[in-house]
């Protein structure tokens, strides 16, 4: 049971990271762009 929960949590964390990383990169680019370029 503990191993199954551990695996499910690991898979969920990986999925969240895979979805958040591109979103954070895009958000960072949108925030940085106006400050760097007029």
C-alpha atoms as a PDB file:
ATOM      1  CA  UNK A   1       0.000   0.000   0.000  1.00  0.00           C
ATOM      2  CA  UNK A   2       2.765   2.434   0.940  1.00  0.00           C
ATOM      3  CA  UNK A   3       4.714   1.579  -2.202  1.00  0.00           C
ATOM      4  CA  UNK A   4       1.617   2.153  -4.356  1.00  0.00           C
ATOM      5  CA  UNK A   5       0.959   5.542  -2.750  1.00  0.00           C
ATOM      6  CA  UNK A   6       4.614   6.451  -3.197  1.00  0.00           C
ATOM      7  CA  UNK A   7       4.445   5.543  -6.894  1.00  0.00           C
ATOM      8  CA  UNK A   8       1.200   7.452  -7.412  1.00  0.00           C
ATOM      9  CA  UNK A   9       2.614  10.533  -5.689  1.00  0.00           C
ATOM     10  CA  UNK A  10       5.811  10.344  -7.742  1.00  0.00           C
ATOM     11  CA  UNK A  11       3.857  10.060 -10.999  1.00  0.00           C
ATOM     12  CA  UNK A  12       1.599  12.966 -10.027  1.00  0.00           C
ATOM     13  CA  UNK A  13       4.559  15.138  -9.115  1.00  0.00           C
ATOM     14  CA  UNK A  14       6.229  14.364 -12.442  1.00  0.00           C
ATOM     15  CA  UNK A  15       3.053  15.245 -14.354  1.00  0.00           C
ATOM     16  CA  UNK A  16       2.644  18.523 -12.468  1.00  0.00           C
ATOM     17  CA  UNK A  17       6.291  19.439 -13.096  1.00  0.00           C
ATOM     18  CA  UNK A  18       5.971  18.640 -16.800  1.00  0.00           C
ATOM     19  CA  UNK A  19       2.954  20.956 -17.034  1.00  0.00           C
ATOM     20  CA  UNK A  20       4.298  23.758 -14.841  1.00  0.00           C
ATOM     21  CA  UNK A  21       7.804  24.075 -16.281  1.00  0.00           C
ATOM     22  CA  UNK A  22       6.698  25.275 -19.758  1.00  0.00           C
ATOM     23  CA  UNK A  23       4.072  27.535 -18.157  1.00  0.00           C
ATOM     24  CA  UNK A  24       6.634  29.113 -15.834  1.00  0.00           C
ATOM     25  CA  UNK A  25       9.087  29.552 -18.698  1.00  0.00           C
ATOM     26  CA  UNK A  26       6.453  31.257 -20.832  1.00  0.00           C
ATOM     27  CA  UNK A  27       5.312  33.416 -17.920  1.00  0.00           C
ATOM     28  CA  UNK A  28       8.910  34.395 -17.169  1.00  0.00           C
ATOM     29  CA  UNK A  29       9.428  35.347 -20.812  1.00  0.00           C
ATOM     30  CA  UNK A  30       6.288  37.485 -20.844  1.00  0.00           C
ATOM     31  CA  UNK A  31       7.344  39.247 -17.639  1.00  0.00           C
ATOM     32  CA  UNK A  32      10.950  39.823 -18.737  1.00  0.00           C
ATOM     33  CA  UNK A  33      10.190  40.953 -22.287  1.00  0.00           C
ATOM     34  CA  UNK A  34       8.669  44.390 -21.547  1.00  0.00           C
ATOM     35  CA  UNK A  35      11.486  45.218 -19.103  1.00  0.00           C
ATOM     36  CA  UNK A  36      14.272  44.266 -21.521  1.00  0.00           C
ATOM     37  CA  UNK A  37      12.805  45.605 -24.757  1.00  0.00           C
ATOM     38  CA  UNK A  38      10.657  48.714 -25.279  1.00  0.00           C
END
